[in-house]
Amino acid sequence: MAIVLLLAAAVAFVLGLRGGQRWLPGPLFTDSGPAPVRNVSVVARSQPLTLSIPAIELKVPLSELGLNPNHTVQVPTNFAEPGWYRLGPSPGQLGSAVILGHVDSYLGPAVFFRLRTLRPGDHVNVALADGVITHFVVRQVAMYPKANFPTLLVYGSHGYSALQLVTCGGVFDTQTGHYLSNIVVYTYLVSAS
């Protein structure tokens, strides 16, 4: 019992160190249900056109992203429109498709401002140029310090069709004008229609 109380006190201390929103690194919300279905038929490569997330009342067009000259992933230029990383799989293909979007700007909330509120079981849909709509389910929401971003976990193939949604989060550094962490929503394909 004493160990539990000490652990609870330590967590409360860590959470109380800074004002504003408080997060612990790593998984925020994890699905305790079954592992992603690995025998769902994957779809053909096709450009994603729109992203829809009913739980946060979001339906937006998608842009395309590539690499910067220094080989880092581009970020969207439009704060109201997320972008699909076109050098990886398209949503529904085997592997990890990735869509990135901004959390906010000096003007206020941006397209992925409410992304951190998603929970396991929430639905994410992507309409493709060939007319197929891919349906994903949220498995986990996690936050990582940018200095320790898990590139292989987010962009790597895990043997099934995944879609990762990425934005900034955590503490905002007023000196640099950037957030110190990234929020990642992990999803898996459940069907295509």
N, C-alpha and C. Protein backbone atom coordinates (compact mmCIF):
# COMPACT_ATOMS: atom_id res chain seq x y z
N MET A 1 0.83 -1.19 0.00
CA MET A 1 0.00 0.00 0.00
C MET A 1 0.87 1.26 0.00
N ALA A 2 1.97 1.24 0.78
CA ALA A 2 2.87 2.39 0.84
C ALA A 2 3.49 2.67 -0.52
N ILE A 3 3.82 1.60 -1.27
CA ILE A 3 4.42 1.77 -2.59
C ILE A 3 3.42 2.43 -3.54
N VAL A 4 2.17 2.01 -3.48
CA VAL A 4 1.12 2.60 -4.32
C VAL A 4 0.96 4.08 -4.01
N LEU A 5 0.96 4.43 -2.73
CA LEU A 5 0.82 5.84 -2.34
C LEU A 5 2.02 6.67 -2.79
N LEU A 6 3.23 6.11 -2.68
CA LEU A 6 4.42 6.82 -3.13
C LEU A 6 4.38 7.03 -4.65
N LEU A 7 3.96 6.00 -5.39
CA LEU A 7 3.85 6.12 -6.84
C LEU A 7 2.83 7.18 -7.21
N ALA A 8 1.68 7.16 -6.54
CA ALA A 8 0.63 8.15 -6.81
C ALA A 8 1.14 9.56 -6.51
N ALA A 9 1.88 9.71 -5.42
CA ALA A 9 2.43 11.02 -5.07
C ALA A 9 3.45 11.49 -6.10
N ALA A 10 4.28 10.56 -6.59
CA ALA A 10 5.28 10.91 -7.61
C ALA A 10 4.61 11.35 -8.90
N VAL A 11 3.58 10.63 -9.33
CA VAL A 11 2.85 11.01 -10.55
C VAL A 11 2.20 12.37 -10.37
N ALA A 12 1.57 12.60 -9.21
CA ALA A 12 0.93 13.89 -8.95
C ALA A 12 1.96 15.01 -8.99
N PHE A 13 3.17 14.76 -8.43
CA PHE A 13 4.23 15.77 -8.44
C PHE A 13 4.65 16.09 -9.87
N VAL A 14 4.88 15.04 -10.68
CA VAL A 14 5.31 15.24 -12.07
C VAL A 14 4.24 16.00 -12.84
N LEU A 15 2.98 15.64 -12.66
CA LEU A 15 1.90 16.31 -13.38
C LEU A 15 1.73 17.75 -12.94
N GLY A 16 2.10 18.05 -11.72
CA GLY A 16 1.91 19.40 -11.20
C GLY A 16 3.08 20.33 -11.43
N LEU A 17 4.13 19.88 -12.09
CA LEU A 17 5.32 20.72 -12.28
C LEU A 17 5.07 21.92 -13.17
N ARG A 18 4.22 21.80 -14.13
CA ARG A 18 3.99 22.89 -15.08
C ARG A 18 2.49 23.17 -15.16
N GLY A 19 2.18 24.41 -15.52
CA GLY A 19 0.79 24.77 -15.72
C GLY A 19 0.30 24.30 -17.07
N GLY A 20 -0.95 24.55 -17.35
CA GLY A 20 -1.53 24.19 -18.64
C GLY A 20 -1.81 22.70 -18.73
N GLN A 21 -1.87 22.22 -19.96
CA GLN A 21 -2.18 20.81 -20.18
C GLN A 21 -1.02 19.94 -19.75
N ARG A 22 -1.32 18.80 -19.13
CA ARG A 22 -0.27 17.94 -18.59
C ARG A 22 -0.34 16.56 -19.24
N TRP A 23 0.79 16.08 -19.70
CA TRP A 23 0.87 14.78 -20.36
C TRP A 23 2.06 14.03 -19.82
N LEU A 24 1.95 12.73 -19.79
CA LEU A 24 3.10 11.87 -19.53
C LEU A 24 3.56 11.32 -20.87
N PRO A 25 4.85 11.07 -21.06
CA PRO A 25 5.31 10.54 -22.35
C PRO A 25 4.81 9.13 -22.59
N GLY A 26 4.81 8.74 -23.85
CA GLY A 26 4.40 7.38 -24.20
C GLY A 26 2.90 7.29 -24.41
N PRO A 27 2.32 6.09 -24.26
CA PRO A 27 0.90 5.92 -24.54
C PRO A 27 0.02 6.77 -23.64
N LEU A 28 -0.94 7.43 -24.26
CA LEU A 28 -1.95 8.17 -23.51
C LEU A 28 -3.18 7.29 -23.33
N PHE A 29 -3.60 6.71 -24.43
CA PHE A 29 -4.75 5.82 -24.42
C PHE A 29 -4.41 4.60 -25.25
N THR A 30 -4.65 3.43 -24.73
CA THR A 30 -4.31 2.19 -25.43
C THR A 30 -5.53 1.30 -25.49
N ASP A 31 -5.75 0.73 -26.64
CA ASP A 31 -6.84 -0.22 -26.85
C ASP A 31 -6.51 -1.52 -26.13
N SER A 32 -7.42 -1.98 -25.30
CA SER A 32 -7.19 -3.26 -24.62
C SER A 32 -7.85 -4.41 -25.38
N GLY A 33 -8.40 -4.09 -26.53
CA GLY A 33 -9.09 -5.10 -27.33
C GLY A 33 -8.13 -5.93 -28.16
N PRO A 34 -8.65 -6.63 -29.16
CA PRO A 34 -7.82 -7.53 -29.97
C PRO A 34 -6.80 -6.76 -30.80
N ALA A 35 -5.77 -7.48 -31.21
CA ALA A 35 -4.75 -6.89 -32.09
C ALA A 35 -5.37 -6.58 -33.44
N PRO A 36 -4.74 -5.69 -34.22
CA PRO A 36 -5.26 -5.39 -35.55
C PRO A 36 -5.44 -6.64 -36.39
N VAL A 37 -6.49 -6.65 -37.17
CA VAL A 37 -6.78 -7.79 -38.04
C VAL A 37 -5.78 -7.79 -39.18
N ARG A 38 -5.07 -8.89 -39.33
CA ARG A 38 -4.03 -8.95 -40.35
C ARG A 38 -4.53 -9.55 -41.67
N ASN A 39 -5.77 -10.03 -41.70
CA ASN A 39 -6.25 -10.63 -42.94
C ASN A 39 -7.28 -9.75 -43.65
N VAL A 40 -7.41 -8.48 -43.24
CA VAL A 40 -8.27 -7.56 -43.96
C VAL A 40 -7.63 -7.29 -45.32
N SER A 41 -8.42 -7.37 -46.38
CA SER A 41 -7.88 -7.14 -47.72
C SER A 41 -7.38 -5.71 -47.84
N VAL A 42 -6.15 -5.58 -48.29
CA VAL A 42 -5.60 -4.25 -48.50
C VAL A 42 -6.09 -3.73 -49.84
N VAL A 43 -6.01 -2.43 -50.01
CA VAL A 43 -6.50 -1.81 -51.23
C VAL A 43 -5.32 -1.39 -52.11
N ALA A 44 -5.62 -1.09 -53.36
CA ALA A 44 -4.59 -0.64 -54.30
C ALA A 44 -4.13 0.77 -53.95
N ARG A 45 -2.93 1.10 -54.34
CA ARG A 45 -2.41 2.44 -54.10
C ARG A 45 -3.27 3.46 -54.84
N SER A 46 -3.68 4.48 -54.11
CA SER A 46 -4.49 5.55 -54.68
C SER A 46 -4.34 6.79 -53.81
N GLN A 47 -4.30 7.93 -54.44
CA GLN A 47 -4.10 9.17 -53.70
C GLN A 47 -5.27 9.42 -52.74
N PRO A 48 -4.98 9.69 -51.47
CA PRO A 48 -6.06 10.04 -50.54
C PRO A 48 -6.53 11.47 -50.78
N LEU A 49 -7.85 11.63 -50.80
CA LEU A 49 -8.42 12.95 -51.10
C LEU A 49 -8.97 13.66 -49.86
N THR A 50 -9.68 12.90 -49.01
CA THR A 50 -10.27 13.52 -47.82
C THR A 50 -10.10 12.63 -46.60
N LEU A 51 -10.02 13.29 -45.46
CA LEU A 51 -9.91 12.63 -44.16
C LEU A 51 -11.15 13.00 -43.36
N SER A 52 -11.77 11.98 -42.74
CA SER A 52 -12.96 12.20 -41.93
C SER A 52 -12.78 11.50 -40.58
N ILE A 53 -12.98 12.26 -39.49
CA ILE A 53 -12.90 11.71 -38.14
C ILE A 53 -14.16 12.15 -37.40
N PRO A 54 -15.21 11.33 -37.42
CA PRO A 54 -16.49 11.73 -36.82
C PRO A 54 -16.41 12.15 -35.35
N ALA A 55 -15.59 11.51 -34.55
CA ALA A 55 -15.53 11.80 -33.11
C ALA A 55 -15.14 13.25 -32.82
N ILE A 56 -14.40 13.88 -33.74
CA ILE A 56 -14.01 15.27 -33.53
C ILE A 56 -14.61 16.17 -34.62
N GLU A 57 -15.62 15.65 -35.30
CA GLU A 57 -16.37 16.41 -36.32
C GLU A 57 -15.44 17.04 -37.35
N LEU A 58 -14.53 16.22 -37.87
CA LEU A 58 -13.55 16.71 -38.83
C LEU A 58 -13.74 16.03 -40.17
N LYS A 59 -13.84 16.82 -41.23
CA LYS A 59 -13.83 16.30 -42.60
C LYS A 59 -13.13 17.34 -43.44
N VAL A 60 -11.94 16.96 -43.94
CA VAL A 60 -11.10 17.92 -44.65
C VAL A 60 -10.42 17.29 -45.85
N PRO A 61 -10.06 18.13 -46.85
CA PRO A 61 -9.25 17.62 -47.95
C PRO A 61 -7.82 17.41 -47.49
N LEU A 62 -7.09 16.58 -48.24
CA LEU A 62 -5.70 16.27 -47.92
C LEU A 62 -4.76 16.81 -49.00
N SER A 63 -3.63 17.31 -48.58
CA SER A 63 -2.56 17.68 -49.50
C SER A 63 -1.55 16.53 -49.53
N GLU A 64 -0.49 16.68 -50.31
CA GLU A 64 0.57 15.68 -50.36
C GLU A 64 1.86 16.27 -49.81
N LEU A 65 2.61 15.43 -49.09
CA LEU A 65 3.88 15.84 -48.51
C LEU A 65 4.99 14.92 -48.98
N GLY A 66 6.18 15.45 -49.07
CA GLY A 66 7.35 14.66 -49.43
C GLY A 66 8.45 14.89 -48.42
N LEU A 67 9.68 15.06 -48.92
CA LEU A 67 10.83 15.32 -48.05
C LEU A 67 11.40 16.71 -48.33
N ASN A 68 11.92 17.33 -47.28
CA ASN A 68 12.67 18.58 -47.41
C ASN A 68 14.06 18.25 -47.95
N PRO A 69 14.82 19.26 -48.40
CA PRO A 69 16.19 19.01 -48.89
C PRO A 69 17.09 18.33 -47.85
N ASN A 70 16.81 18.53 -46.55
CA ASN A 70 17.63 17.88 -45.52
C ASN A 70 17.10 16.49 -45.15
N HIS A 71 16.17 15.97 -45.93
CA HIS A 71 15.60 14.63 -45.80
C HIS A 71 14.67 14.48 -44.59
N THR A 72 14.18 15.58 -44.05
CA THR A 72 13.12 15.51 -43.03
C THR A 72 11.78 15.56 -43.75
N VAL A 73 10.75 15.04 -43.10
CA VAL A 73 9.42 15.03 -43.71
C VAL A 73 8.86 16.45 -43.73
N GLN A 74 8.29 16.82 -44.86
CA GLN A 74 7.65 18.13 -44.98
C GLN A 74 6.45 18.20 -44.04
N VAL A 75 6.10 19.41 -43.66
CA VAL A 75 4.87 19.64 -42.90
C VAL A 75 3.93 20.46 -43.79
N PRO A 76 2.63 20.35 -43.56
CA PRO A 76 1.69 21.10 -44.41
C PRO A 76 1.94 22.61 -44.34
N THR A 77 1.72 23.30 -45.43
CA THR A 77 1.83 24.75 -45.46
C THR A 77 0.52 25.41 -45.07
N ASN A 78 -0.59 24.69 -45.19
CA ASN A 78 -1.91 25.19 -44.84
C ASN A 78 -2.29 24.64 -43.47
N PHE A 79 -2.53 25.51 -42.50
CA PHE A 79 -2.83 25.08 -41.13
C PHE A 79 -4.21 24.43 -41.02
N ALA A 80 -5.06 24.60 -42.04
CA ALA A 80 -6.40 24.02 -42.02
C ALA A 80 -6.49 22.71 -42.80
N GLU A 81 -5.36 22.26 -43.37
CA GLU A 81 -5.38 21.07 -44.22
C GLU A 81 -4.21 20.16 -43.88
N PRO A 82 -4.48 18.92 -43.45
CA PRO A 82 -3.39 17.98 -43.21
C PRO A 82 -2.82 17.45 -44.52
N GLY A 83 -1.67 16.80 -44.42
CA GLY A 83 -1.04 16.26 -45.62
C GLY A 83 -0.64 14.80 -45.45
N TRP A 84 -0.77 14.06 -46.54
CA TRP A 84 -0.39 12.64 -46.58
C TRP A 84 1.06 12.55 -47.03
N TYR A 85 1.86 11.75 -46.33
CA TYR A 85 3.25 11.51 -46.70
C TYR A 85 3.26 10.55 -47.88
N ARG A 86 3.45 11.09 -49.09
CA ARG A 86 3.28 10.34 -50.33
C ARG A 86 4.40 9.34 -50.62
N LEU A 87 5.50 9.40 -49.88
CA LEU A 87 6.59 8.45 -50.12
C LEU A 87 6.38 7.14 -49.37
N GLY A 88 5.34 7.07 -48.57
CA GLY A 88 4.96 5.84 -47.89
C GLY A 88 3.71 5.27 -48.54
N PRO A 89 3.13 4.22 -47.93
CA PRO A 89 1.90 3.63 -48.48
C PRO A 89 0.75 4.64 -48.47
N SER A 90 -0.20 4.43 -49.35
CA SER A 90 -1.44 5.19 -49.25
C SER A 90 -2.35 4.48 -48.25
N PRO A 91 -3.30 5.18 -47.64
CA PRO A 91 -4.17 4.54 -46.65
C PRO A 91 -4.88 3.31 -47.21
N GLY A 92 -4.72 2.19 -46.51
CA GLY A 92 -5.32 0.93 -46.93
C GLY A 92 -4.32 -0.03 -47.52
N GLN A 93 -3.16 0.47 -47.95
CA GLN A 93 -2.11 -0.43 -48.42
C GLN A 93 -1.43 -1.06 -47.21
N LEU A 94 -0.73 -2.18 -47.46
CA LEU A 94 0.04 -2.82 -46.40
C LEU A 94 1.14 -1.88 -45.94
N GLY A 95 1.28 -1.71 -44.66
CA GLY A 95 2.28 -0.82 -44.10
C GLY A 95 1.63 0.35 -43.40
N SER A 96 2.43 1.36 -43.08
CA SER A 96 1.96 2.51 -42.32
C SER A 96 1.84 3.75 -43.20
N ALA A 97 0.61 4.12 -43.49
CA ALA A 97 0.36 5.41 -44.13
C ALA A 97 0.41 6.47 -43.03
N VAL A 98 0.89 7.66 -43.36
CA VAL A 98 1.03 8.71 -42.35
C VAL A 98 0.43 10.01 -42.87
N ILE A 99 -0.38 10.64 -42.01
CA ILE A 99 -0.96 11.95 -42.31
C ILE A 99 -0.54 12.90 -41.19
N LEU A 100 0.02 14.04 -41.58
CA LEU A 100 0.49 15.04 -40.62
C LEU A 100 -0.35 16.30 -40.72
N GLY A 101 -0.56 16.96 -39.57
CA GLY A 101 -1.31 18.21 -39.55
C GLY A 101 -0.90 19.06 -38.38
N HIS A 102 -1.17 20.35 -38.47
CA HIS A 102 -0.81 21.29 -37.41
C HIS A 102 -1.84 21.26 -36.28
N VAL A 103 -1.36 21.53 -35.06
CA VAL A 103 -2.24 21.61 -33.90
C VAL A 103 -2.80 23.02 -33.73
N ASP A 104 -1.98 24.03 -34.00
CA ASP A 104 -2.44 25.42 -33.90
C ASP A 104 -1.46 26.34 -34.60
N SER A 105 -1.77 27.62 -34.57
CA SER A 105 -0.87 28.66 -35.08
C SER A 105 -1.10 29.89 -34.22
N TYR A 106 -0.45 30.99 -34.56
CA TYR A 106 -0.66 32.21 -33.79
C TYR A 106 -2.09 32.73 -33.94
N LEU A 107 -2.81 32.22 -34.94
CA LEU A 107 -4.20 32.62 -35.15
C LEU A 107 -5.20 31.81 -34.33
N GLY A 108 -4.74 30.68 -33.75
CA GLY A 108 -5.63 29.84 -32.95
C GLY A 108 -5.53 28.38 -33.36
N PRO A 109 -6.55 27.58 -32.99
CA PRO A 109 -6.53 26.14 -33.29
C PRO A 109 -6.41 25.86 -34.78
N ALA A 110 -5.65 24.80 -35.10
CA ALA A 110 -5.50 24.34 -36.48
C ALA A 110 -6.24 23.01 -36.65
N VAL A 111 -6.05 22.38 -37.80
CA VAL A 111 -6.85 21.22 -38.21
C VAL A 111 -6.78 20.05 -37.22
N PHE A 112 -5.64 19.78 -36.61
CA PHE A 112 -5.51 18.64 -35.70
C PHE A 112 -5.53 19.04 -34.22
N PHE A 113 -6.14 20.18 -33.93
CA PHE A 113 -6.19 20.67 -32.55
C PHE A 113 -6.85 19.67 -31.60
N ARG A 114 -7.90 18.99 -32.06
CA ARG A 114 -8.63 18.04 -31.20
C ARG A 114 -8.16 16.60 -31.36
N LEU A 115 -7.10 16.37 -32.12
CA LEU A 115 -6.62 15.01 -32.36
C LEU A 115 -6.30 14.29 -31.06
N ARG A 116 -5.74 14.98 -30.09
CA ARG A 116 -5.33 14.36 -28.81
C ARG A 116 -6.52 13.85 -28.00
N THR A 117 -7.73 14.24 -28.36
CA THR A 117 -8.92 13.79 -27.62
C THR A 117 -9.47 12.46 -28.13
N LEU A 118 -8.90 11.94 -29.23
CA LEU A 118 -9.38 10.65 -29.75
C LEU A 118 -9.09 9.54 -28.76
N ARG A 119 -9.95 8.51 -28.80
CA ARG A 119 -9.84 7.37 -27.90
C ARG A 119 -9.85 6.08 -28.71
N PRO A 120 -9.29 5.01 -28.17
CA PRO A 120 -9.39 3.71 -28.86
C PRO A 120 -10.84 3.39 -29.20
N GLY A 121 -11.04 2.91 -30.42
CA GLY A 121 -12.38 2.60 -30.89
C GLY A 121 -12.97 3.67 -31.77
N ASP A 122 -12.43 4.90 -31.74
CA ASP A 122 -12.92 5.95 -32.63
C ASP A 122 -12.57 5.60 -34.08
N HIS A 123 -13.38 6.10 -34.99
CA HIS A 123 -13.23 5.78 -36.41
C HIS A 123 -12.53 6.90 -37.17
N VAL A 124 -11.73 6.50 -38.15
CA VAL A 124 -11.04 7.42 -39.05
C VAL A 124 -11.26 6.88 -40.46
N ASN A 125 -11.75 7.73 -41.36
CA ASN A 125 -12.04 7.31 -42.72
C ASN A 125 -11.25 8.17 -43.71
N VAL A 126 -10.76 7.53 -44.76
CA VAL A 126 -10.03 8.25 -45.80
C VAL A 126 -10.62 7.86 -47.15
N ALA A 127 -11.07 8.87 -47.91
CA ALA A 127 -11.58 8.64 -49.26
C ALA A 127 -10.44 8.76 -50.24
N LEU A 128 -10.33 7.77 -51.13
CA LEU A 128 -9.24 7.71 -52.10
C LEU A 128 -9.71 8.14 -53.49
N ALA A 129 -8.76 8.52 -54.34
CA ALA A 129 -9.07 9.01 -55.69
C ALA A 129 -9.78 7.97 -56.54
N ASP A 130 -9.56 6.66 -56.27
CA ASP A 130 -10.20 5.62 -57.08
C ASP A 130 -11.62 5.31 -56.63
N GLY A 131 -12.15 6.07 -55.67
CA GLY A 131 -13.53 5.88 -55.21
C GLY A 131 -13.66 5.00 -53.98
N VAL A 132 -12.58 4.37 -53.54
CA VAL A 132 -12.61 3.52 -52.36
C VAL A 132 -12.55 4.39 -51.10
N ILE A 133 -13.30 4.01 -50.07
CA ILE A 133 -13.20 4.67 -48.76
C ILE A 133 -12.63 3.65 -47.79
N THR A 134 -11.50 4.00 -47.19
CA THR A 134 -10.86 3.11 -46.22
C THR A 134 -11.31 3.49 -44.82
N HIS A 135 -11.60 2.46 -44.00
CA HIS A 135 -12.12 2.66 -42.65
C HIS A 135 -11.12 2.11 -41.63
N PHE A 136 -10.68 2.98 -40.74
CA PHE A 136 -9.70 2.63 -39.72
C PHE A 136 -10.30 2.82 -38.34
N VAL A 137 -9.73 2.13 -37.35
CA VAL A 137 -10.15 2.28 -35.96
C VAL A 137 -8.91 2.66 -35.14
N VAL A 138 -9.11 3.63 -34.24
CA VAL A 138 -8.01 4.06 -33.37
C VAL A 138 -7.64 2.95 -32.41
N ARG A 139 -6.35 2.67 -32.33
CA ARG A 139 -5.82 1.66 -31.42
C ARG A 139 -5.15 2.30 -30.21
N GLN A 140 -4.43 3.40 -30.44
CA GLN A 140 -3.65 4.01 -29.37
C GLN A 140 -3.40 5.48 -29.69
N VAL A 141 -3.33 6.30 -28.66
CA VAL A 141 -2.91 7.70 -28.78
C VAL A 141 -1.70 7.86 -27.86
N ALA A 142 -0.59 8.36 -28.40
CA ALA A 142 0.64 8.48 -27.61
C ALA A 142 1.29 9.83 -27.84
N MET A 143 2.13 10.23 -26.90
CA MET A 143 2.91 11.45 -27.03
C MET A 143 4.39 11.12 -26.80
N TYR A 144 5.24 11.68 -27.66
CA TYR A 144 6.67 11.43 -27.58
C TYR A 144 7.43 12.75 -27.66
N PRO A 145 8.50 12.91 -26.88
CA PRO A 145 9.37 14.08 -27.06
C PRO A 145 9.93 14.05 -28.48
N LYS A 146 9.98 15.21 -29.12
CA LYS A 146 10.48 15.26 -30.49
C LYS A 146 11.90 14.72 -30.59
N ALA A 147 12.68 14.89 -29.54
CA ALA A 147 14.05 14.39 -29.53
C ALA A 147 14.13 12.87 -29.55
N ASN A 148 13.03 12.20 -29.17
CA ASN A 148 12.98 10.73 -29.15
C ASN A 148 11.82 10.21 -29.99
N PHE A 149 11.55 10.86 -31.11
CA PHE A 149 10.43 10.45 -31.95
C PHE A 149 10.68 9.05 -32.50
N PRO A 150 9.69 8.12 -32.36
CA PRO A 150 9.88 6.73 -32.81
C PRO A 150 9.59 6.55 -34.30
N THR A 151 10.52 7.00 -35.12
CA THR A 151 10.32 7.01 -36.58
C THR A 151 9.91 5.65 -37.13
N LEU A 152 10.59 4.58 -36.73
CA LEU A 152 10.26 3.25 -37.26
C LEU A 152 8.89 2.79 -36.80
N LEU A 153 8.50 3.12 -35.60
CA LEU A 153 7.19 2.74 -35.10
C LEU A 153 6.08 3.46 -35.87
N VAL A 154 6.31 4.71 -36.20
CA VAL A 154 5.30 5.51 -36.89
C VAL A 154 5.27 5.21 -38.39
N TYR A 155 6.43 5.14 -39.02
CA TYR A 155 6.50 5.00 -40.48
C TYR A 155 6.74 3.57 -40.95
N GLY A 156 7.16 2.67 -40.07
CA GLY A 156 7.50 1.31 -40.47
C GLY A 156 6.29 0.43 -40.69
N SER A 157 6.50 -0.68 -41.39
CA SER A 157 5.44 -1.66 -41.62
C SER A 157 5.40 -2.65 -40.47
N HIS A 158 4.19 -2.98 -40.03
CA HIS A 158 4.01 -3.89 -38.90
C HIS A 158 3.21 -5.13 -39.28
N GLY A 159 3.09 -5.39 -40.60
CA GLY A 159 2.41 -6.58 -41.05
C GLY A 159 0.92 -6.42 -41.28
N TYR A 160 0.42 -5.20 -41.18
CA TYR A 160 -1.00 -4.94 -41.45
C TYR A 160 -1.13 -3.52 -41.99
N SER A 161 -2.32 -3.14 -42.42
CA SER A 161 -2.56 -1.80 -42.96
C SER A 161 -2.85 -0.85 -41.81
N ALA A 162 -1.96 0.11 -41.63
CA ALA A 162 -2.09 1.07 -40.54
C ALA A 162 -2.15 2.48 -41.10
N LEU A 163 -2.69 3.37 -40.30
CA LEU A 163 -2.68 4.79 -40.61
C LEU A 163 -2.30 5.51 -39.32
N GLN A 164 -1.24 6.32 -39.39
CA GLN A 164 -0.83 7.10 -38.23
C GLN A 164 -1.12 8.58 -38.52
N LEU A 165 -1.71 9.25 -37.55
CA LEU A 165 -1.97 10.69 -37.63
C LEU A 165 -1.02 11.38 -36.67
N VAL A 166 -0.32 12.41 -37.14
CA VAL A 166 0.73 13.04 -36.34
C VAL A 166 0.51 14.54 -36.25
N THR A 167 0.67 15.08 -35.04
CA THR A 167 0.63 16.52 -34.83
C THR A 167 1.56 16.88 -33.68
N CYS A 168 1.66 18.14 -33.36
CA CYS A 168 2.48 18.58 -32.23
C CYS A 168 1.66 18.58 -30.95
N GLY A 169 2.35 18.60 -29.81
CA GLY A 169 1.66 18.64 -28.54
C GLY A 169 2.61 18.80 -27.39
N GLY A 170 2.06 18.69 -26.18
CA GLY A 170 2.87 18.81 -24.98
C GLY A 170 3.18 20.26 -24.66
N VAL A 171 4.36 20.50 -24.14
CA VAL A 171 4.78 21.83 -23.71
C VAL A 171 5.19 22.67 -24.91
N PHE A 172 4.76 23.94 -24.92
CA PHE A 172 5.15 24.87 -25.97
C PHE A 172 6.35 25.68 -25.50
N ASP A 173 7.42 25.66 -26.30
CA ASP A 173 8.64 26.39 -25.97
C ASP A 173 8.54 27.80 -26.57
N THR A 174 8.36 28.80 -25.71
CA THR A 174 8.19 30.17 -26.21
C THR A 174 9.48 30.72 -26.82
N GLN A 175 10.63 30.16 -26.43
CA GLN A 175 11.91 30.62 -26.98
C GLN A 175 12.06 30.23 -28.45
N THR A 176 11.65 29.00 -28.78
CA THR A 176 11.80 28.52 -30.17
C THR A 176 10.52 28.67 -30.98
N GLY A 177 9.39 28.83 -30.30
CA GLY A 177 8.11 28.91 -31.00
C GLY A 177 7.60 27.57 -31.47
N HIS A 178 8.06 26.48 -30.83
CA HIS A 178 7.65 25.13 -31.22
C HIS A 178 7.25 24.30 -30.00
N TYR A 179 6.40 23.31 -30.26
CA TYR A 179 6.08 22.33 -29.22
C TYR A 179 7.24 21.37 -29.06
N LEU A 180 7.39 20.82 -27.87
CA LEU A 180 8.51 19.92 -27.59
C LEU A 180 8.19 18.46 -27.89
N SER A 181 6.92 18.15 -28.16
CA SER A 181 6.52 16.75 -28.36
C SER A 181 5.63 16.61 -29.58
N ASN A 182 5.39 15.35 -29.94
CA ASN A 182 4.43 15.00 -31.00
C ASN A 182 3.37 14.08 -30.43
N ILE A 183 2.14 14.28 -30.86
CA ILE A 183 1.03 13.37 -30.58
C ILE A 183 0.90 12.45 -31.79
N VAL A 184 0.80 11.15 -31.56
CA VAL A 184 0.61 10.18 -32.64
C VAL A 184 -0.63 9.36 -32.34
N VAL A 185 -1.55 9.30 -33.30
CA VAL A 185 -2.73 8.44 -33.21
C VAL A 185 -2.49 7.25 -34.12
N TYR A 186 -2.45 6.06 -33.52
CA TYR A 186 -2.23 4.81 -34.25
C TYR A 186 -3.58 4.19 -34.58
N THR A 187 -3.79 3.84 -35.85
CA THR A 187 -5.03 3.19 -36.26
C THR A 187 -4.72 1.97 -37.11
N TYR A 188 -5.74 1.14 -37.31
CA TYR A 188 -5.59 -0.01 -38.19
C TYR A 188 -6.82 -0.16 -39.07
N LEU A 189 -6.62 -0.69 -40.27
CA LEU A 189 -7.69 -0.85 -41.25
C LEU A 189 -8.67 -1.93 -40.81
N VAL A 190 -9.96 -1.61 -40.87
CA VAL A 190 -10.98 -2.61 -40.55
C VAL A 190 -11.81 -2.98 -41.78
N SER A 191 -11.91 -2.07 -42.76
CA SER A 191 -12.65 -2.40 -43.99
C SER A 191 -12.41 -1.32 -45.04
N ALA A 192 -12.84 -1.63 -46.25
CA ALA A 192 -12.79 -0.67 -47.34
C ALA A 192 -14.07 -0.86 -48.15
N SER A 193 -14.64 0.25 -48.59
CA SER A 193 -15.91 0.16 -49.36
C SER A 193 -15.87 1.04 -50.59
